[in-house]
PDB file of N, CA and C in Angstrom:
ATOM      1  N   UNK A   1       0.817  -1.189   0.000  1.00  0.00           N
ATOM      2  CA  UNK A   1       0.000   0.000   0.000  1.00  0.00           C
ATOM      3  C   UNK A   1       0.870   1.267   0.000  1.00  0.00           C
ATOM      4  N   UNK A   2       1.901   1.257   0.860  1.00  0.00           N
ATOM      5  CA  UNK A   2       2.798   2.393   0.925  1.00  0.00           C
ATOM      6  C   UNK A   2       3.525   2.587  -0.397  1.00  0.00           C
ATOM      7  N   UNK A   3       3.870   1.462  -1.026  1.00  0.00           N
ATOM      8  CA  UNK A   3       4.580   1.521  -2.300  1.00  0.00           C
ATOM      9  C   UNK A   3       3.691   2.150  -3.378  1.00  0.00           C
ATOM     10  N   UNK A   4       2.417   1.817  -3.400  1.00  0.00           N
ATOM     11  CA  UNK A   4       1.477   2.386  -4.362  1.00  0.00           C
ATOM     12  C   UNK A   4       1.283   3.877  -4.107  1.00  0.00           C
ATOM     13  N   UNK A   5       1.219   4.266  -2.852  1.00  0.00           N
ATOM     14  CA  UNK A   5       1.064   5.672  -2.511  1.00  0.00           C
ATOM     15  C   UNK A   5       2.312   6.459  -2.912  1.00  0.00           C
ATOM     16  N   UNK A   6       3.498   5.855  -2.668  1.00  0.00           N
ATOM     17  CA  UNK A   6       4.747   6.528  -3.050  1.00  0.00           C
ATOM     18  C   UNK A   6       4.838   6.669  -4.562  1.00  0.00           C
ATOM     19  N   UNK A   7       4.454   5.625  -5.308  1.00  0.00           N
ATOM     20  CA  UNK A   7       4.466   5.662  -6.765  1.00  0.00           C
ATOM     21  C   UNK A   7       3.505   6.748  -7.276  1.00  0.00           C
ATOM     22  N   UNK A   8       2.317   6.812  -6.658  1.00  0.00           N
ATOM     23  CA  UNK A   8       1.320   7.807  -7.025  1.00  0.00           C
ATOM     24  C   UNK A   8       1.855   9.217  -6.753  1.00  0.00           C
ATOM     25  N   UNK A   9       2.504   9.382  -5.618  1.00  0.00           N
ATOM     26  CA  UNK A   9       3.072  10.679  -5.270  1.00  0.00           C
ATOM     27  C   UNK A   9       4.171  11.067  -6.256  1.00  0.00           C
ATOM     28  N   UNK A  10       5.037  10.119  -6.609  1.00  0.00           N
ATOM     29  CA  UNK A  10       6.105  10.388  -7.573  1.00  0.00           C
ATOM     30  C   UNK A  10       5.535  10.781  -8.940  1.00  0.00           C
ATOM     31  N   UNK A  11       4.463  10.107  -9.354  1.00  0.00           N
ATOM     32  CA  UNK A  11       3.829  10.430 -10.633  1.00  0.00           C
ATOM     33  C   UNK A  11       3.235  11.841 -10.596  1.00  0.00           C
ATOM     34  N   UNK A  12       2.622  12.196  -9.478  1.00  0.00           N
ATOM     35  CA  UNK A  12       2.035  13.523  -9.348  1.00  0.00           C
ATOM     36  C   UNK A  12       3.116  14.597  -9.356  1.00  0.00           C
ATOM     37  N   UNK A  13       4.252  14.331  -8.696  1.00  0.00           N
ATOM     38  CA  UNK A  13       5.365  15.272  -8.676  1.00  0.00           C
ATOM     39  C   UNK A  13       5.932  15.427 -10.091  1.00  0.00           C
ATOM     40  N   UNK A  14       6.080  14.320 -10.813  1.00  0.00           N
ATOM     41  CA  UNK A  14       6.604  14.363 -12.183  1.00  0.00           C
ATOM     42  C   UNK A  14       5.639  15.137 -13.093  1.00  0.00           C
ATOM     43  N   UNK A  15       4.349  14.883 -12.941  1.00  0.00           N
ATOM     44  CA  UNK A  15       3.332  15.586 -13.732  1.00  0.00           C
ATOM     45  C   UNK A  15       3.357  17.093 -13.431  1.00  0.00           C
ATOM     46  N   UNK A  16       3.491  17.444 -12.160  1.00  0.00           N
ATOM     47  CA  UNK A  16       3.543  18.850 -11.770  1.00  0.00           C
ATOM     48  C   UNK A  16       4.790  19.516 -12.365  1.00  0.00           C
ATOM     49  N   UNK A  17       5.914  18.814 -12.348  1.00  0.00           N
ATOM     50  CA  UNK A  17       7.147  19.362 -12.911  1.00  0.00           C
ATOM     51  C   UNK A  17       6.994  19.562 -14.422  1.00  0.00           C
ATOM     52  N   UNK A  18       6.335  18.620 -15.096  1.00  0.00           N
ATOM     53  CA  UNK A  18       6.093  18.734 -16.543  1.00  0.00           C
ATOM     54  C   UNK A  18       5.215  19.947 -16.836  1.00  0.00           C
ATOM     55  N   UNK A  19       4.168  20.143 -16.047  1.00  0.00           N
ATOM     56  CA  UNK A  19       3.263  21.283 -16.236  1.00  0.00           C
ATOM     57  C   UNK A  19       3.999  22.597 -15.997  1.00  0.00           C
ATOM     58  N   UNK A  20       4.826  22.636 -14.954  1.00  0.00           N
ATOM     59  CA  UNK A  20       5.583  23.848 -14.664  1.00  0.00           C
ATOM     60  C   UNK A  20       6.549  24.173 -15.800  1.00  0.00           C
ATOM     61  N   UNK A  21       7.173  23.159 -16.388  1.00  0.00           N
ATOM     62  CA  UNK A  21       8.086  23.356 -17.511  1.00  0.00           C
ATOM     63  C   UNK A  21       7.324  23.902 -18.725  1.00  0.00           C
ATOM     64  N   UNK A  22       6.143  23.354 -18.998  1.00  0.00           N
ATOM     65  CA  UNK A  22       5.324  23.854 -20.105  1.00  0.00           C
ATOM     66  C   UNK A  22       4.930  25.318 -19.889  1.00  0.00           C
ATOM     67  N   UNK A  23       4.532  25.649 -18.683  1.00  0.00           N
ATOM     68  CA  UNK A  23       4.165  27.030 -18.367  1.00  0.00           C
ATOM     69  C   UNK A  23       5.359  27.957 -18.550  1.00  0.00           C
ATOM     70  N   UNK A  24       6.534  27.513 -18.116  1.00  0.00           N
ATOM     71  CA  UNK A  24       7.751  28.313 -18.288  1.00  0.00           C
ATOM     72  C   UNK A  24       8.046  28.543 -19.769  1.00  0.00           C
ATOM     73  N   UNK A  25       7.903  27.493 -20.586  1.00  0.00           N
ATOM     74  CA  UNK A  25       8.147  27.623 -22.025  1.00  0.00           C
ATOM     75  C   UNK A  25       7.143  28.583 -22.676  1.00  0.00           C
ATOM     76  N   UNK A  26       5.884  28.480 -22.266  1.00  0.00           N
ATOM     77  CA  UNK A  26       4.852  29.363 -22.819  1.00  0.00           C
ATOM     78  C   UNK A  26       5.154  30.814 -22.460  1.00  0.00           C
ATOM     79  N   UNK A  27       5.541  31.054 -21.238  1.00  0.00           N
ATOM     80  CA  UNK A  27       5.864  32.427 -20.815  1.00  0.00           C
ATOM     81  C   UNK A  27       7.071  32.971 -21.579  1.00  0.00           C
ATOM     82  N   UNK A  28       8.052  32.122 -21.846  1.00  0.00           N
ATOM     83  CA  UNK A  28       9.216  32.544 -22.622  1.00  0.00           C
ATOM     84  C   UNK A  28       8.790  32.902 -24.049  1.00  0.00           C
ATOM     85  N   UNK A  29       7.908  32.108 -24.624  1.00  0.00           N
ATOM     86  CA  UNK A  29       7.426  32.400 -25.976  1.00  0.00           C
ATOM     87  C   UNK A  29       6.634  33.704 -26.009  1.00  0.00           C
ATOM     88  N   UNK A  30       5.890  33.985 -24.960  1.00  0.00           N
ATOM     89  CA  UNK A  30       5.106  35.218 -24.908  1.00  0.00           C
ATOM     90  C   UNK A  30       5.996  36.453 -24.809  1.00  0.00           C
ATOM     91  N   UNK A  31       7.201  36.304 -24.299  1.00  0.00           N
ATOM     92  CA  UNK A  31       8.121  37.438 -24.170  1.00  0.00           C
ATOM     93  C   UNK A  31       8.727  37.842 -25.512  1.00  0.00           C
ATOM     94  N   UNK A  32       8.754  36.916 -26.467  1.00  0.00           N
ATOM     95  CA  UNK A  32       9.351  37.198 -27.771  1.00  0.00           C
ATOM     96  C   UNK A  32       8.421  38.140 -28.534  1.00  0.00           C
ATOM     97  N   UNK A  33       8.938  39.290 -28.980  1.00  0.00           N
ATOM     98  CA  UNK A  33       8.074  40.231 -29.703  1.00  0.00           C
ATOM     99  C   UNK A  33       7.700  39.682 -31.082  1.00  0.00           C
ATOM    100  N   UNK A  34       6.475  39.935 -31.465  1.00  0.00           N
ATOM    101  CA  UNK A  34       5.986  39.491 -32.765  1.00  0.00           C
ATOM    102  C   UNK A  34       5.994  40.696 -33.696  1.00  0.00           C
ATOM    103  N   UNK A  35       6.657  40.545 -34.821  1.00  0.00           N
ATOM    104  CA  UNK A  35       6.675  41.631 -35.801  1.00  0.00           C
ATOM    105  C   UNK A  35       5.466  41.470 -36.705  1.00  0.00           C
ATOM    106  N   UNK A  36       4.574  42.415 -36.606  1.00  0.00           N
ATOM    107  CA  UNK A  36       3.380  42.389 -37.443  1.00  0.00           C
ATOM    108  C   UNK A  36       3.604  43.364 -38.595  1.00  0.00           C
ATOM    109  N   UNK A  37       3.510  42.850 -39.796  1.00  0.00           N
ATOM    110  CA  UNK A  37       3.666  43.700 -40.968  1.00  0.00           C
ATOM    111  C   UNK A  37       2.307  43.932 -41.598  1.00  0.00           C
ATOM    112  N   UNK A  38       2.151  45.106 -42.102  1.00  0.00           N
ATOM    113  CA  UNK A  38       0.899  45.457 -42.749  1.00  0.00           C
ATOM    114  C   UNK A  38       0.916  44.896 -44.162  1.00  0.00           C
ATOM    115  N   UNK A  39      -0.172  44.288 -44.557  1.00  0.00           N
ATOM    116  CA  UNK A  39      -0.259  43.741 -45.903  1.00  0.00           C
ATOM    117  C   UNK A  39      -0.289  44.844 -46.944  1.00  0.00           C
ATOM    118  N   UNK A  40       0.104  44.518 -48.146  1.00  0.00           N
ATOM    119  CA  UNK A  40       0.144  45.482 -49.226  1.00  0.00           C
ATOM    120  C   UNK A  40      -1.244  45.650 -49.810  1.00  0.00           C
ATOM    121  N   UNK A  41      -1.708  46.906 -49.855  1.00  0.00           N
ATOM    122  CA  UNK A  41      -3.006  47.227 -50.434  1.00  0.00           C
ATOM    123  C   UNK A  41      -2.762  48.081 -51.674  1.00  0.00           C
ATOM    124  N   UNK A  42      -3.011  47.531 -52.871  1.00  0.00           N
ATOM    125  CA  UNK A  42      -2.722  48.285 -54.097  1.00  0.00           C
ATOM    126  C   UNK A  42      -3.631  49.494 -54.300  1.00  0.00           C
ATOM    127  N   UNK A  43      -4.715  49.595 -53.538  1.00  0.00           N
ATOM    128  CA  UNK A  43      -5.629  50.730 -53.702  1.00  0.00           C
ATOM    129  C   UNK A  43      -5.300  51.878 -52.753  1.00  0.00           C
ATOM    130  N   UNK A  44      -4.300  51.714 -51.918  1.00  0.00           N
ATOM    131  CA  UNK A  44      -3.947  52.743 -50.933  1.00  0.00           C
ATOM    132  C   UNK A  44      -2.817  53.616 -51.459  1.00  0.00           C
ATOM    133  N   UNK A  45      -2.973  54.929 -51.346  1.00  0.00           N
ATOM    134  CA  UNK A  45      -1.930  55.862 -51.787  1.00  0.00           C
ATOM    135  C   UNK A  45      -0.762  55.818 -50.806  1.00  0.00           C
ATOM    136  N   UNK A  46       0.367  56.345 -51.229  1.00  0.00           N
ATOM    137  CA  UNK A  46       1.585  56.268 -50.431  1.00  0.00           C
ATOM    138  C   UNK A  46       1.569  57.061 -49.146  1.00  0.00           C
ATOM    139  N   UNK A  47       0.743  58.088 -49.036  1.00  0.00           N
ATOM    140  CA  UNK A  47       0.664  58.948 -47.845  1.00  0.00           C
ATOM    141  C   UNK A  47       1.998  59.591 -47.506  1.00  0.00           C
ATOM    142  N   UNK A  48       2.628  60.176 -48.529  1.00  0.00           N
ATOM    143  CA  UNK A  48       3.903  60.862 -48.313  1.00  0.00           C
ATOM    144  C   UNK A  48       3.715  62.364 -48.186  1.00  0.00           C
ATOM    145  N   UNK A  49       2.473  62.817 -48.180  1.00  0.00           N
ATOM    146  CA  UNK A  49       2.204  64.233 -48.015  1.00  0.00           C
ATOM    147  C   UNK A  49       2.262  65.020 -49.313  1.00  0.00           C
ATOM    148  N   UNK A  50       2.261  64.358 -50.441  1.00  0.00           N
ATOM    149  CA  UNK A  50       2.293  65.048 -51.725  1.00  0.00           C
ATOM    150  C   UNK A  50       0.871  65.392 -52.156  1.00  0.00           C
ATOM    151  N   UNK A  51       0.742  66.446 -52.951  1.00  0.00           N
ATOM    152  CA  UNK A  51      -0.583  66.879 -53.392  1.00  0.00           C
ATOM    153  C   UNK A  51      -1.226  65.831 -54.305  1.00  0.00           C
ATOM    154  N   UNK A  52      -0.438  65.281 -55.205  1.00  0.00           N
ATOM    155  CA  UNK A  52      -0.980  64.331 -56.174  1.00  0.00           C
ATOM    156  C   UNK A  52      -0.310  62.980 -55.931  1.00  0.00           C
ATOM    157  N   UNK A  53      -1.000  62.133 -55.249  1.00  0.00           N
ATOM    158  CA  UNK A  53      -0.498  60.778 -55.014  1.00  0.00           C
ATOM    159  C   UNK A  53      -1.474  59.793 -55.632  1.00  0.00           C
ATOM    160  N   UNK A  54      -0.923  58.741 -56.191  1.00  0.00           N
ATOM    161  CA  UNK A  54      -1.761  57.702 -56.790  1.00  0.00           C
ATOM    162  C   UNK A  54      -1.440  56.373 -56.146  1.00  0.00           C
ATOM    163  N   UNK A  55      -2.443  55.574 -56.050  1.00  0.00           N
ATOM    164  CA  UNK A  55      -2.207  54.214 -55.597  1.00  0.00           C
ATOM    165  C   UNK A  55      -1.720  53.401 -56.790  1.00  0.00           C
ATOM    166  N   UNK A  56      -1.253  52.205 -56.534  1.00  0.00           N
ATOM    167  CA  UNK A  56      -0.772  51.336 -57.604  1.00  0.00           C
ATOM    168  C   UNK A  56      -1.927  51.002 -58.543  1.00  0.00           C
ATOM    169  N   UNK A  57      -3.111  50.785 -58.008  1.00  0.00           N
ATOM    170  CA  UNK A  57      -4.266  50.468 -58.838  1.00  0.00           C
ATOM    171  C   UNK A  57      -4.612  51.639 -59.755  1.00  0.00           C
ATOM    172  N   UNK A  58      -4.584  52.864 -59.217  1.00  0.00           N
ATOM    173  CA  UNK A  58      -4.862  54.041 -60.042  1.00  0.00           C
ATOM    174  C   UNK A  58      -3.800  54.213 -61.125  1.00  0.00           C
ATOM    175  N   UNK A  59      -2.552  53.968 -60.763  1.00  0.00           N
ATOM    176  CA  UNK A  59      -1.466  54.084 -61.726  1.00  0.00           C
ATOM    177  C   UNK A  59      -1.642  53.082 -62.860  1.00  0.00           C
ATOM    178  N   UNK A  60      -1.971  51.858 -62.528  1.00  0.00           N
ATOM    179  CA  UNK A  60      -2.203  50.837 -63.564  1.00  0.00           C
ATOM    180  C   UNK A  60      -3.365  51.232 -64.468  1.00  0.00           C
ATOM    181  N   UNK A  61      -4.426  51.748 -63.870  1.00  0.00           N
ATOM    182  CA  UNK A  61      -5.590  52.166 -64.647  1.00  0.00           C
ATOM    183  C   UNK A  61      -5.226  53.310 -65.593  1.00  0.00           C
ATOM    184  N   UNK A  62      -4.491  54.282 -65.076  1.00  0.00           N
ATOM    185  CA  UNK A  62      -4.091  55.416 -65.915  1.00  0.00           C
ATOM    186  C   UNK A  62      -3.156  54.969 -67.034  1.00  0.00           C
ATOM    187  N   UNK A  63      -2.235  54.067 -66.750  1.00  0.00           N
ATOM    188  CA  UNK A  63      -1.340  53.549 -67.791  1.00  0.00           C
ATOM    189  C   UNK A  63      -2.123  52.813 -68.868  1.00  0.00           C
ATOM    190  N   UNK A  64      -3.123  52.043 -68.461  1.00  0.00           N
ATOM    191  CA  UNK A  64      -3.961  51.329 -69.425  1.00  0.00           C
ATOM    192  C   UNK A  64      -4.729  52.314 -70.309  1.00  0.00           C
ATOM    193  N   UNK A  65      -5.285  53.380 -69.711  1.00  0.00           N
ATOM    194  CA  UNK A  65      -6.004  54.391 -70.494  1.00  0.00           C
ATOM    195  C   UNK A  65      -5.068  55.077 -71.485  1.00  0.00           C
ATOM    196  N   UNK A  66      -3.863  55.415 -71.053  1.00  0.00           N
ATOM    197  CA  UNK A  66      -2.890  56.046 -71.944  1.00  0.00           C
ATOM    198  C   UNK A  66      -2.474  55.111 -73.069  1.00  0.00           C
ATOM    199  N   UNK A  67      -2.336  53.834 -72.763  1.00  0.00           N
ATOM    200  CA  UNK A  67      -1.973  52.855 -73.791  1.00  0.00           C
ATOM    201  C   UNK A  67      -3.079  52.758 -74.839  1.00  0.00           C
ATOM    202  N   UNK A  68      -4.327  52.704 -74.401  1.00  0.00           N
ATOM    203  CA  UNK A  68      -5.452  52.644 -75.345  1.00  0.00           C
ATOM    204  C   UNK A  68      -5.535  53.908 -76.190  1.00  0.00           C
ATOM    205  N   UNK A  69      -5.317  55.053 -75.556  1.00  0.00           N
ATOM    206  CA  UNK A  69      -5.360  56.323 -76.279  1.00  0.00           C
ATOM    207  C   UNK A  69      -4.275  56.354 -77.349  1.00  0.00           C
ATOM    208  N   UNK A  70      -3.075  55.903 -77.011  1.00  0.00           N
ATOM    209  CA  UNK A  70      -1.973  55.859 -77.965  1.00  0.00           C
ATOM    210  C   UNK A  70      -2.301  54.919 -79.122  1.00  0.00           C
ATOM    211  N   UNK A  71      -2.878  53.761 -78.821  1.00  0.00           N
ATOM    212  CA  UNK A  71      -3.270  52.824 -79.880  1.00  0.00           C
ATOM    213  C   UNK A  71      -4.309  53.448 -80.814  1.00  0.00           C
ATOM    214  N   UNK A  72      -5.265  54.177 -80.243  1.00  0.00           N
ATOM    215  CA  UNK A  72      -6.283  54.833 -81.066  1.00  0.00           C
ATOM    216  C   UNK A  72      -5.654  55.890 -81.968  1.00  0.00           C
ATOM    217  N   UNK A  73      -4.710  56.658 -81.436  1.00  0.00           N
ATOM    218  CA  UNK A  73      -4.027  57.666 -82.243  1.00  0.00           C
ATOM    219  C   UNK A  73      -3.254  57.032 -83.378  1.00  0.00           C
ATOM    220  N   UNK A  74      -2.570  55.933 -83.089  1.00  0.00           N
ATOM    221  CA  UNK A  74      -1.809  55.234 -84.124  1.00  0.00           C
ATOM    222  C   UNK A  74      -2.753  54.692 -85.189  1.00  0.00           C
ATOM    223  N   UNK A  75      -3.867  54.097 -84.782  1.00  0.00           N
ATOM    224  CA  UNK A  75      -4.837  53.589 -85.747  1.00  0.00           C
ATOM    225  C   UNK A  75      -5.402  54.716 -86.614  1.00  0.00           C
ATOM    226  N   UNK A  76      -5.701  55.859 -85.986  1.00  0.00           N
ATOM    227  CA  UNK A  76      -6.234  57.002 -86.734  1.00  0.00           C
ATOM    228  C   UNK A  76      -5.218  57.484 -87.767  1.00  0.00           C
ATOM    229  N   UNK A  77      -3.955  57.609 -87.365  1.00  0.00           N
ATOM    230  CA  UNK A  77      -2.917  58.042 -88.299  1.00  0.00           C
ATOM    231  C   UNK A  77      -2.748  57.042 -89.430  1.00  0.00           C
ATOM    232  N   UNK A  78      -2.809  55.770 -89.113  1.00  0.00           N
ATOM    233  CA  UNK A  78      -2.679  54.717 -90.123  1.00  0.00           C
ATOM    234  C   UNK A  78      -3.810  54.831 -91.139  1.00  0.00           C
ATOM    235  N   UNK A  79      -5.033  54.987 -90.644  1.00  0.00           N
ATOM    236  CA  UNK A  79      -6.184  55.107 -91.544  1.00  0.00           C
ATOM    237  C   UNK A  79      -6.094  56.378 -92.383  1.00  0.00           C
ATOM    238  N   UNK A  80      -5.633  57.465 -91.747  1.00  0.00           N
ATOM    239  CA  UNK A  80      -5.481  58.730 -92.475  1.00  0.00           C
ATOM    240  C   UNK A  80      -4.450  58.586 -93.583  1.00  0.00           C
ATOM    241  N   UNK A  81      -3.333  57.945 -93.277  1.00  0.00           N
ATOM    242  CA  UNK A  81      -2.293  57.747 -94.293  1.00  0.00           C
ATOM    243  C   UNK A  81      -2.779  56.844 -95.416  1.00  0.00           C
ATOM    244  N   UNK A  82      -3.512  55.801 -95.086  1.00  0.00           N
ATOM    245  CA  UNK A  82      -4.048  54.914 -96.128  1.00  0.00           C
ATOM    246  C   UNK A  82      -5.037  55.656 -97.014  1.00  0.00           C
ATOM    247  N   UNK A  83      -5.906  56.455 -96.426  1.00  0.00           N
ATOM    248  CA  UNK A  83      -6.870  57.213 -97.210  1.00  0.00           C
ATOM    249  C   UNK A  83      -6.160  58.223 -98.095  1.00  0.00           C
ATOM    250  N   UNK A  84      -5.102  58.839 -97.574  1.00  0.00           N
ATOM    251  CA  UNK A  84      -4.325  59.815 -98.353  1.00  0.00           C
ATOM    252  C   UNK A  84      -3.658  59.121 -99.530  1.00  0.00           C
ATOM    253  N   UNK A  85      -3.104  57.948 -99.345  1.00  0.00           N
ATOM    254  CA  UNK A  85      -2.457  57.215-100.426  1.00  0.00           C
ATOM    255  C   UNK A  85      -3.468  56.816-101.501  1.00  0.00           C
ATOM    256  N   UNK A  86      -4.661  56.423-101.059  1.00  0.00           N
ATOM    257  CA  UNK A  86      -5.687  56.020-102.035  1.00  0.00           C
ATOM    258  C   UNK A  86      -6.128  57.222-102.888  1.00  0.00           C
ATOM    259  N   UNK A  87      -6.223  58.409-102.280  1.00  0.00           N
ATOM    260  CA  UNK A  87      -6.612  59.600-103.016  1.00  0.00           C
ATOM    261  C   UNK A  87      -5.538  60.014-104.008  1.00  0.00           C
ATOM    262  N   UNK A  88      -4.279  59.855-103.596  1.00  0.00           N
ATOM    263  CA  UNK A  88      -3.175  60.253-104.458  1.00  0.00           C
ATOM    264  C   UNK A  88      -2.931  59.239-105.545  1.00  0.00           C
ATOM    265  N   UNK A  89      -3.156  57.978-105.254  1.00  0.00           N
ATOM    266  CA  UNK A  89      -2.775  56.931-106.174  1.00  0.00           C
ATOM    267  C   UNK A  89      -3.822  56.504-107.095  1.00  0.00           C
TER     268      UNK A  89
END
């Protein structure tokens, strides 16, 4: 009976020591600072204090509009030149 009680006591002491070690490890992990980085939002302007700031999304949109405008101008010039050649020739 005494042997069973001693074994039970030893198991409880070992379990308590294991729990204390886990708690110590958790507390150590909590002390480590976590670096939180802000995710990249393409719709957000740079916020550098400039009067005219664009977000990446606005910049892409404006570049696309300029590209289309340039293509239209090139097509118009091409058609104008073809019509001019047909009139002359």
